[in-house]
Amino acid sequence: MQEVIVGIVFLVALIFIGRHFYHQYKSESGCPKGCGSCDISKEVKKMDFKMPEHLKN
């Protein structure tokens, strides 16, 4: 009985990982989530960041 449960958990994990890779290669931005958070991070990187003077060494 334990072998069956372990087998089912293993198959579910394989399906989850396979689905993750499928969505990663299918998506246009390369992000498998599809939530758009990657697009936001690109905009944040474009922002001009100024380091405070007291933190500069």
Protein backbone atom coordinates (compact mmCIF):
# COMPACT_ATOMS: atom_id res chain seq x y z
CA MET A 1 0.00 0.00 0.00
CA GLN A 2 2.85 2.39 0.80
CA GLU A 3 4.39 1.78 -2.63
CA VAL A 4 1.17 2.87 -4.29
CA ILE A 5 1.01 6.08 -2.28
CA VAL A 6 4.67 6.87 -3.00
CA GLY A 7 4.07 6.15 -6.70
CA ILE A 8 1.08 8.49 -6.80
CA VAL A 9 3.02 11.27 -5.05
CA PHE A 10 5.91 10.75 -7.49
CA LEU A 11 3.59 10.94 -10.52
CA VAL A 12 1.93 14.09 -9.20
CA ALA A 13 5.37 15.67 -8.72
CA LEU A 14 6.37 14.72 -12.28
CA ILE A 15 3.17 16.22 -13.66
CA PHE A 16 3.71 19.41 -11.65
CA ILE A 17 7.31 19.82 -12.85
CA GLY A 18 6.33 18.96 -16.43
CA ARG A 19 3.53 21.52 -16.35
CA HIS A 20 5.94 24.12 -14.94
CA PHE A 21 8.46 23.56 -17.76
CA TYR A 22 5.70 23.51 -20.38
CA HIS A 23 4.38 26.90 -19.25
CA GLN A 24 7.92 28.28 -19.07
CA TYR A 25 8.64 27.45 -22.70
CA LYS A 26 5.14 28.33 -23.88
CA SER A 27 5.04 31.81 -22.33
CA GLU A 28 6.40 34.80 -24.22
CA SER A 29 8.24 36.35 -21.29
CA GLY A 30 9.91 33.16 -20.09
CA CYS A 31 8.11 33.27 -16.77
CA PRO A 32 6.01 30.17 -16.05
CA LYS A 33 3.72 31.92 -13.58
CA GLY A 34 1.82 34.04 -16.07
CA CYS A 35 1.04 36.65 -13.43
CA GLY A 36 2.98 39.46 -15.09
CA SER A 37 5.31 39.97 -12.14
CA CYS A 38 8.30 39.62 -14.45
CA ASP A 39 7.12 42.61 -16.46
CA ILE A 40 6.90 44.65 -13.28
CA SER A 41 10.43 43.70 -12.29
CA LYS A 42 11.69 44.93 -15.67
CA GLU A 43 10.09 48.31 -15.01
CA VAL A 44 11.62 48.48 -11.54
CA LYS A 45 15.06 47.80 -13.01
CA LYS A 46 14.57 50.71 -15.40
CA MET A 47 13.86 53.11 -12.53
CA ASP A 48 16.66 55.40 -11.50
CA PHE A 49 17.88 54.41 -8.05
CA LYS A 50 19.88 56.88 -6.01
CA MET A 51 21.95 55.53 -3.13
CA PRO A 52 21.68 57.66 0.02
CA GLU A 53 24.91 59.43 0.88
CA HIS A 54 25.25 57.86 4.31
CA LEU A 55 25.27 54.37 2.76
CA LYS A 56 28.02 55.09 0.24
CA ASN A 57 31.52 54.06 1.24
